[in-house]
Amino acid sequence: MPRATALKTKRAFKTNGDSTGATVTVIAAPNTLEDEIRIRAYLLYEQEGRQGGRDEEYWLRAESEILEQYGLRSRE
């Protein structure tokens, strides 16, 4: 998903140093509304199994959710 370039994947480790083998997505705090939408779109992409070709759908869903969250768009 091209719009999610600011996100990174890291290996997760237990506190005793043993590797769990899991990966986590590390996300920096968004600086702009567009950053917040980009991050949400990426999370939708991840949640739905990284299905390619649906980037516009994820972006529009994320945009709608974020704008509604800030009261900038009402529920339709």
PDB file of N, CA and C in Angstrom:
ATOM      1  N   MET A   1       0.847  -1.175   0.000  1.00  0.00           N
ATOM      2  CA  MET A   1       0.000   0.000   0.000  1.00  0.00           C
ATOM      3  C   MET A   1       0.887   1.232   0.000  1.00  0.00           C
ATOM      4  N   PRO A   2       0.994   1.956  -1.078  1.00  0.00           N
ATOM      5  CA  PRO A   2       1.941   3.043  -1.226  1.00  0.00           C
ATOM      6  C   PRO A   2       1.788   4.182  -0.227  1.00  0.00           C
ATOM      7  N   ARG A   3       0.575   4.465   0.216  1.00  0.00           N
ATOM      8  CA  ARG A   3       0.368   5.598   1.120  1.00  0.00           C
ATOM      9  C   ARG A   3       0.860   5.332   2.542  1.00  0.00           C
ATOM     10  N   ALA A   4       1.268   4.128   2.845  1.00  0.00           N
ATOM     11  CA  ALA A   4       1.646   3.765   4.214  1.00  0.00           C
ATOM     12  C   ALA A   4       3.148   3.688   4.395  1.00  0.00           C
ATOM     13  N   THR A   5       3.894   4.537   3.737  1.00  0.00           N
ATOM     14  CA  THR A   5       5.345   4.448   3.771  1.00  0.00           C
ATOM     15  C   THR A   5       5.956   4.812   5.117  1.00  0.00           C
ATOM     16  N   ALA A   6       5.232   5.522   5.976  1.00  0.00           N
ATOM     17  CA  ALA A   6       5.791   5.941   7.257  1.00  0.00           C
ATOM     18  C   ALA A   6       5.731   4.858   8.320  1.00  0.00           C
ATOM     19  N   LEU A   7       5.159   3.729   8.016  1.00  0.00           N
ATOM     20  CA  LEU A   7       4.998   2.666   8.999  1.00  0.00           C
ATOM     21  C   LEU A   7       6.129   1.660   8.880  1.00  0.00           C
ATOM     22  N   LYS A   8       6.498   1.058   9.990  1.00  0.00           N
ATOM     23  CA  LYS A   8       7.576   0.078  10.020  1.00  0.00           C
ATOM     24  C   LYS A   8       7.122  -1.157  10.769  1.00  0.00           C
ATOM     25  N   THR A   9       7.647  -2.304  10.383  1.00  0.00           N
ATOM     26  CA  THR A   9       7.342  -3.540  11.096  1.00  0.00           C
ATOM     27  C   THR A   9       8.571  -3.960  11.881  1.00  0.00           C
ATOM     28  N   LYS A  10       8.379  -4.343  13.120  1.00  0.00           N
ATOM     29  CA  LYS A  10       9.478  -4.754  13.995  1.00  0.00           C
ATOM     30  C   LYS A  10       9.163  -6.121  14.583  1.00  0.00           C
ATOM     31  N   ARG A  11      10.191  -6.858  14.997  1.00  0.00           N
ATOM     32  CA  ARG A  11      10.008  -8.117  15.709  1.00  0.00           C
ATOM     33  C   ARG A  11       9.662  -7.796  17.159  1.00  0.00           C
ATOM     34  N   ALA A  12       8.727  -8.547  17.730  1.00  0.00           N
ATOM     35  CA  ALA A  12       8.328  -8.352  19.126  1.00  0.00           C
ATOM     36  C   ALA A  12       9.137  -9.289  20.019  1.00  0.00           C
ATOM     37  N   PHE A  13       9.524  -8.836  21.182  1.00  0.00           N
ATOM     38  CA  PHE A  13      10.298  -9.634  22.122  1.00  0.00           C
ATOM     39  C   PHE A  13       9.640  -9.608  23.487  1.00  0.00           C
ATOM     40  N   LYS A  14       9.732 -10.739  24.193  1.00  0.00           N
ATOM     41  CA  LYS A  14       9.244 -10.808  25.570  1.00  0.00           C
ATOM     42  C   LYS A  14      10.203 -10.017  26.448  1.00  0.00           C
ATOM     43  N   THR A  15       9.768  -9.678  27.640  1.00  0.00           N
ATOM     44  CA  THR A  15      10.608  -8.891  28.535  1.00  0.00           C
ATOM     45  C   THR A  15      11.848  -9.653  28.990  1.00  0.00           C
ATOM     46  N   ASN A  16      11.810 -10.987  28.967  1.00  0.00           N
ATOM     47  CA  ASN A  16      12.988 -11.746  29.389  1.00  0.00           C
ATOM     48  C   ASN A  16      13.983 -11.929  28.249  1.00  0.00           C
ATOM     49  N   GLY A  17      13.690 -11.319  27.077  1.00  0.00           N
ATOM     50  CA  GLY A  17      14.616 -11.371  25.967  1.00  0.00           C
ATOM     51  C   GLY A  17      14.329 -12.460  24.951  1.00  0.00           C
ATOM     52  N   ASP A  18      13.423 -13.401  25.254  1.00  0.00           N
ATOM     53  CA  ASP A  18      13.096 -14.453  24.296  1.00  0.00           C
ATOM     54  C   ASP A  18      12.216 -13.892  23.188  1.00  0.00           C
ATOM     55  N   SER A  19      12.500 -14.279  21.973  1.00  0.00           N
ATOM     56  CA  SER A  19      11.696 -13.821  20.846  1.00  0.00           C
ATOM     57  C   SER A  19      10.358 -14.553  20.833  1.00  0.00           C
ATOM     58  N   THR A  20       9.292 -13.807  20.607  1.00  0.00           N
ATOM     59  CA  THR A  20       7.970 -14.419  20.508  1.00  0.00           C
ATOM     60  C   THR A  20       7.694 -14.864  19.086  1.00  0.00           C
ATOM     61  N   GLY A  21       8.473 -14.364  18.145  1.00  0.00           N
ATOM     62  CA  GLY A  21       8.251 -14.687  16.746  1.00  0.00           C
ATOM     63  C   GLY A  21       7.159 -13.862  16.114  1.00  0.00           C
ATOM     64  N   ALA A  22       6.513 -12.997  16.875  1.00  0.00           N
ATOM     65  CA  ALA A  22       5.438 -12.161  16.352  1.00  0.00           C
ATOM     66  C   ALA A  22       6.011 -10.859  15.799  1.00  0.00           C
ATOM     67  N   THR A  23       5.259 -10.226  14.943  1.00  0.00           N
ATOM     68  CA  THR A  23       5.652  -8.908  14.462  1.00  0.00           C
ATOM     69  C   THR A  23       4.609  -7.898  14.911  1.00  0.00           C
ATOM     70  N   VAL A  24       5.041  -6.682  15.109  1.00  0.00           N
ATOM     71  CA  VAL A  24       4.145  -5.591  15.478  1.00  0.00           C
ATOM     72  C   VAL A  24       4.405  -4.436  14.521  1.00  0.00           C
ATOM     73  N   THR A  25       3.412  -3.631  14.309  1.00  0.00           N
ATOM     74  CA  THR A  25       3.563  -2.446  13.480  1.00  0.00           C
ATOM     75  C   THR A  25       3.820  -1.265  14.394  1.00  0.00           C
ATOM     76  N   VAL A  26       4.912  -0.564  14.147  1.00  0.00           N
ATOM     77  CA  VAL A  26       5.291   0.602  14.938  1.00  0.00           C
ATOM     78  C   VAL A  26       4.858   1.835  14.155  1.00  0.00           C
ATOM     79  N   ILE A  27       4.058   2.667  14.783  1.00  0.00           N
ATOM     80  CA  ILE A  27       3.514   3.830  14.107  1.00  0.00           C
ATOM     81  C   ILE A  27       3.903   5.085  14.870  1.00  0.00           C
ATOM     82  N   ALA A  28       4.503   6.032  14.155  1.00  0.00           N
ATOM     83  CA  ALA A  28       4.828   7.314  14.756  1.00  0.00           C
ATOM     84  C   ALA A  28       3.545   8.123  14.909  1.00  0.00           C
ATOM     85  N   ALA A  29       3.527   9.030  15.862  1.00  0.00           N
ATOM     86  CA  ALA A  29       2.354   9.879  16.063  1.00  0.00           C
ATOM     87  C   ALA A  29       2.115  10.712  14.810  1.00  0.00           C
ATOM     88  N   PRO A  30       0.871  10.792  14.375  1.00  0.00           N
ATOM     89  CA  PRO A  30       0.579  11.559  13.159  1.00  0.00           C
ATOM     90  C   PRO A  30       0.776  13.051  13.384  1.00  0.00           C
ATOM     91  N   ASN A  31       1.322  13.731  12.375  1.00  0.00           N
ATOM     92  CA  ASN A  31       1.535  15.175  12.451  1.00  0.00           C
ATOM     93  C   ASN A  31       0.390  15.951  11.825  1.00  0.00           C
ATOM     94  N   THR A  32      -0.295  15.321  10.883  1.00  0.00           N
ATOM     95  CA  THR A  32      -1.375  15.995  10.164  1.00  0.00           C
ATOM     96  C   THR A  32      -2.584  15.071  10.070  1.00  0.00           C
ATOM     97  N   LEU A  33      -3.685  15.640   9.649  1.00  0.00           N
ATOM     98  CA  LEU A  33      -4.888  14.853   9.427  1.00  0.00           C
ATOM     99  C   LEU A  33      -4.633  13.805   8.342  1.00  0.00           C
ATOM    100  N   GLU A  34      -3.890  14.184   7.320  1.00  0.00           N
ATOM    101  CA  GLU A  34      -3.554  13.234   6.254  1.00  0.00           C
ATOM    102  C   GLU A  34      -2.727  12.072   6.784  1.00  0.00           C
ATOM    103  N   ASP A  35      -1.783  12.352   7.684  1.00  0.00           N
ATOM    104  CA  ASP A  35      -0.992  11.280   8.305  1.00  0.00           C
ATOM    105  C   ASP A  35      -1.898  10.326   9.075  1.00  0.00           C
ATOM    106  N   GLU A  36      -2.855  10.886   9.807  1.00  0.00           N
ATOM    107  CA  GLU A  36      -3.763  10.055  10.591  1.00  0.00           C
ATOM    108  C   GLU A  36      -4.615   9.166   9.680  1.00  0.00           C
ATOM    109  N   ILE A  37      -5.067   9.726   8.561  1.00  0.00           N
ATOM    110  CA  ILE A  37      -5.838   8.946   7.593  1.00  0.00           C
ATOM    111  C   ILE A  37      -4.963   7.859   6.987  1.00  0.00           C
ATOM    112  N   ARG A  38      -3.727   8.200   6.658  1.00  0.00           N
ATOM    113  CA  ARG A  38      -2.792   7.229   6.071  1.00  0.00           C
ATOM    114  C   ARG A  38      -2.564   6.058   7.011  1.00  0.00           C
ATOM    115  N   ILE A  39      -2.371   6.348   8.283  1.00  0.00           N
ATOM    116  CA  ILE A  39      -2.140   5.299   9.282  1.00  0.00           C
ATOM    117  C   ILE A  39      -3.375   4.414   9.421  1.00  0.00           C
ATOM    118  N   ARG A  40      -4.553   5.025   9.484  1.00  0.00           N
ATOM    119  CA  ARG A  40      -5.786   4.233   9.611  1.00  0.00           C
ATOM    120  C   ARG A  40      -6.008   3.365   8.377  1.00  0.00           C
ATOM    121  N   ALA A  41      -5.722   3.907   7.193  1.00  0.00           N
ATOM    122  CA  ALA A  41      -5.862   3.129   5.960  1.00  0.00           C
ATOM    123  C   ALA A  41      -4.934   1.923   5.985  1.00  0.00           C
ATOM    124  N   TYR A  42      -3.717   2.121   6.471  1.00  0.00           N
ATOM    125  CA  TYR A  42      -2.778   1.006   6.557  1.00  0.00           C
ATOM    126  C   TYR A  42      -3.278  -0.054   7.542  1.00  0.00           C
ATOM    127  N   LEU A  43      -3.824   0.388   8.658  1.00  0.00           N
ATOM    128  CA  LEU A  43      -4.335  -0.567   9.636  1.00  0.00           C
ATOM    129  C   LEU A  43      -5.520  -1.354   9.076  1.00  0.00           C
ATOM    130  N   LEU A  44      -6.372  -0.710   8.294  1.00  0.00           N
ATOM    131  CA  LEU A  44      -7.468  -1.422   7.640  1.00  0.00           C
ATOM    132  C   LEU A  44      -6.908  -2.471   6.675  1.00  0.00           C
ATOM    133  N   TYR A  45      -5.896  -2.088   5.921  1.00  0.00           N
ATOM    134  CA  TYR A  45      -5.217  -2.995   4.989  1.00  0.00           C
ATOM    135  C   TYR A  45      -4.670  -4.210   5.738  1.00  0.00           C
ATOM    136  N   GLU A  46      -4.033  -3.973   6.864  1.00  0.00           N
ATOM    137  CA  GLU A  46      -3.485  -5.060   7.690  1.00  0.00           C
ATOM    138  C   GLU A  46      -4.610  -5.953   8.229  1.00  0.00           C
ATOM    139  N   GLN A  47      -5.657  -5.341   8.763  1.00  0.00           N
ATOM    140  CA  GLN A  47      -6.757  -6.091   9.368  1.00  0.00           C
ATOM    141  C   GLN A  47      -7.463  -6.993   8.362  1.00  0.00           C
ATOM    142  N   GLU A  48      -7.464  -6.600   7.116  1.00  0.00           N
ATOM    143  CA  GLU A  48      -8.178  -7.367   6.102  1.00  0.00           C
ATOM    144  C   GLU A  48      -7.258  -8.257   5.283  1.00  0.00           C
ATOM    145  N   GLY A  49      -6.104  -8.583   5.856  1.00  0.00           N
ATOM    146  CA  GLY A  49      -5.228  -9.570   5.246  1.00  0.00           C
ATOM    147  C   GLY A  49      -4.333  -9.074   4.125  1.00  0.00           C
ATOM    148  N   ARG A  50      -4.024  -7.790   4.132  1.00  0.00           N
ATOM    149  CA  ARG A  50      -3.106  -7.212   3.138  1.00  0.00           C
ATOM    150  C   ARG A  50      -3.526  -7.490   1.701  1.00  0.00           C
ATOM    151  N   GLN A  51      -4.787  -7.281   1.421  1.00  0.00           N
ATOM    152  CA  GLN A  51      -5.319  -7.504   0.082  1.00  0.00           C
ATOM    153  C   GLN A  51      -4.941  -6.334  -0.821  1.00  0.00           C
ATOM    154  N   GLY A  52      -4.182  -6.622  -1.851  1.00  0.00           N
ATOM    155  CA  GLY A  52      -3.750  -5.597  -2.786  1.00  0.00           C
ATOM    156  C   GLY A  52      -4.888  -5.107  -3.663  1.00  0.00           C
ATOM    157  N   GLY A  53      -4.696  -3.942  -4.266  1.00  0.00           N
ATOM    158  CA  GLY A  53      -5.666  -3.397  -5.191  1.00  0.00           C
ATOM    159  C   GLY A  53      -6.865  -2.724  -4.549  1.00  0.00           C
ATOM    160  N   ARG A  54      -6.849  -2.606  -3.238  1.00  0.00           N
ATOM    161  CA  ARG A  54      -7.989  -2.002  -2.531  1.00  0.00           C
ATOM    162  C   ARG A  54      -7.574  -0.732  -1.795  1.00  0.00           C
ATOM    163  N   ASP A  55      -6.449  -0.139  -2.204  1.00  0.00           N
ATOM    164  CA  ASP A  55      -5.918   1.016  -1.489  1.00  0.00           C
ATOM    165  C   ASP A  55      -6.878   2.203  -1.469  1.00  0.00           C
ATOM    166  N   GLU A  56      -7.579   2.441  -2.570  1.00  0.00           N
ATOM    167  CA  GLU A  56      -8.525   3.559  -2.596  1.00  0.00           C
ATOM    168  C   GLU A  56      -9.691   3.301  -1.627  1.00  0.00           C
ATOM    169  N   GLU A  57     -10.171   2.064  -1.585  1.00  0.00           N
ATOM    170  CA  GLU A  57     -11.243   1.706  -0.650  1.00  0.00           C
ATOM    171  C   GLU A  57     -10.799   1.935   0.797  1.00  0.00           C
ATOM    172  N   TYR A  58      -9.590   1.467   1.138  1.00  0.00           N
ATOM    173  CA  TYR A  58      -9.089   1.647   2.499  1.00  0.00           C
ATOM    174  C   TYR A  58      -8.921   3.130   2.818  1.00  0.00           C
ATOM    175  N   TRP A  59      -8.418   3.889   1.855  1.00  0.00           N
ATOM    176  CA  TRP A  59      -8.200   5.330   2.070  1.00  0.00           C
ATOM    177  C   TRP A  59      -9.538   6.025   2.339  1.00  0.00           C
ATOM    178  N   LEU A  60     -10.547   5.742   1.516  1.00  0.00           N
ATOM    179  CA  LEU A  60     -11.843   6.401   1.671  1.00  0.00           C
ATOM    180  C   LEU A  60     -12.522   6.011   2.982  1.00  0.00           C
ATOM    181  N   ARG A  61     -12.412   4.747   3.367  1.00  0.00           N
ATOM    182  CA  ARG A  61     -12.965   4.310   4.647  1.00  0.00           C
ATOM    183  C   ARG A  61     -12.260   5.006   5.806  1.00  0.00           C
ATOM    184  N   ALA A  62     -10.939   5.059   5.738  1.00  0.00           N
ATOM    185  CA  ALA A  62     -10.154   5.704   6.792  1.00  0.00           C
ATOM    186  C   ALA A  62     -10.483   7.192   6.870  1.00  0.00           C
ATOM    187  N   GLU A  63     -10.555   7.838   5.724  1.00  0.00           N
ATOM    188  CA  GLU A  63     -10.876   9.258   5.679  1.00  0.00           C
ATOM    189  C   GLU A  63     -12.235   9.522   6.322  1.00  0.00           C
ATOM    190  N   SER A  64     -13.221   8.713   5.985  1.00  0.00           N
ATOM    191  CA  SER A  64     -14.557   8.862   6.547  1.00  0.00           C
ATOM    192  C   SER A  64     -14.535   8.696   8.064  1.00  0.00           C
ATOM    193  N   GLU A  65     -13.846   7.661   8.549  1.00  0.00           N
ATOM    194  CA  GLU A  65     -13.763   7.407   9.992  1.00  0.00           C
ATOM    195  C   GLU A  65     -13.088   8.552  10.731  1.00  0.00           C
ATOM    196  N   ILE A  66     -11.970   9.024  10.201  1.00  0.00           N
ATOM    197  CA  ILE A  66     -11.203  10.081  10.880  1.00  0.00           C
ATOM    198  C   ILE A  66     -11.975  11.393  10.872  1.00  0.00           C
ATOM    199  N   LEU A  67     -12.555  11.758   9.735  1.00  0.00           N
ATOM    200  CA  LEU A  67     -13.316  13.004   9.666  1.00  0.00           C
ATOM    201  C   LEU A  67     -14.529  12.961  10.588  1.00  0.00           C
ATOM    202  N   GLU A  68     -15.172  11.810  10.670  1.00  0.00           N
ATOM    203  CA  GLU A  68     -16.308  11.656  11.583  1.00  0.00           C
ATOM    204  C   GLU A  68     -15.850  11.762  13.037  1.00  0.00           C
ATOM    205  N   GLN A  69     -14.693  11.168  13.331  1.00  0.00           N
ATOM    206  CA  GLN A  69     -14.143  11.204  14.689  1.00  0.00           C
ATOM    207  C   GLN A  69     -13.945  12.648  15.165  1.00  0.00           C
ATOM    208  N   TYR A  70     -13.531  13.538  14.257  1.00  0.00           N
ATOM    209  CA  TYR A  70     -13.296  14.939  14.605  1.00  0.00           C
ATOM    210  C   TYR A  70     -14.525  15.811  14.374  1.00  0.00           C
ATOM    211  N   GLY A  71     -15.649  15.197  14.005  1.00  0.00           N
ATOM    212  CA  GLY A  71     -16.857  15.963  13.784  1.00  0.00           C
ATOM    213  C   GLY A  71     -16.839  16.797  12.514  1.00  0.00           C
ATOM    214  N   LEU A  72     -15.984  16.406  11.578  1.00  0.00           N
ATOM    215  CA  LEU A  72     -15.872  17.137  10.321  1.00  0.00           C
ATOM    216  C   LEU A  72     -16.752  16.560   9.243  1.00  0.00           C
ATOM    217  N   ARG A  73     -17.364  15.416   9.519  1.00  0.00           N
ATOM    218  CA  ARG A  73     -18.304  14.778   8.593  1.00  0.00           C
ATOM    219  C   ARG A  73     -19.323  14.025   9.429  1.00  0.00           C
ATOM    220  N   SER A  74     -20.568  14.177   9.072  1.00  0.00           N
ATOM    221  CA  SER A  74     -21.616  13.472   9.819  1.00  0.00           C
ATOM    222  C   SER A  74     -21.831  12.095   9.237  1.00  0.00           C
ATOM    223  N   ARG A  75     -22.339  11.178  10.042  1.00  0.00           N
ATOM    224  CA  ARG A  75     -22.656   9.824   9.581  1.00  0.00           C
ATOM    225  C   ARG A  75     -23.753   9.885   8.548  1.00  0.00           C
ATOM    226  N   GLU A  76     -23.587   9.106   7.505  1.00  0.00           N
ATOM    227  CA  GLU A  76     -24.595   9.094   6.435  1.00  0.00           C
ATOM    228  C   GLU A  76     -25.512   7.917   6.584  1.00  0.00           C
TER     229      GLU A  76
END
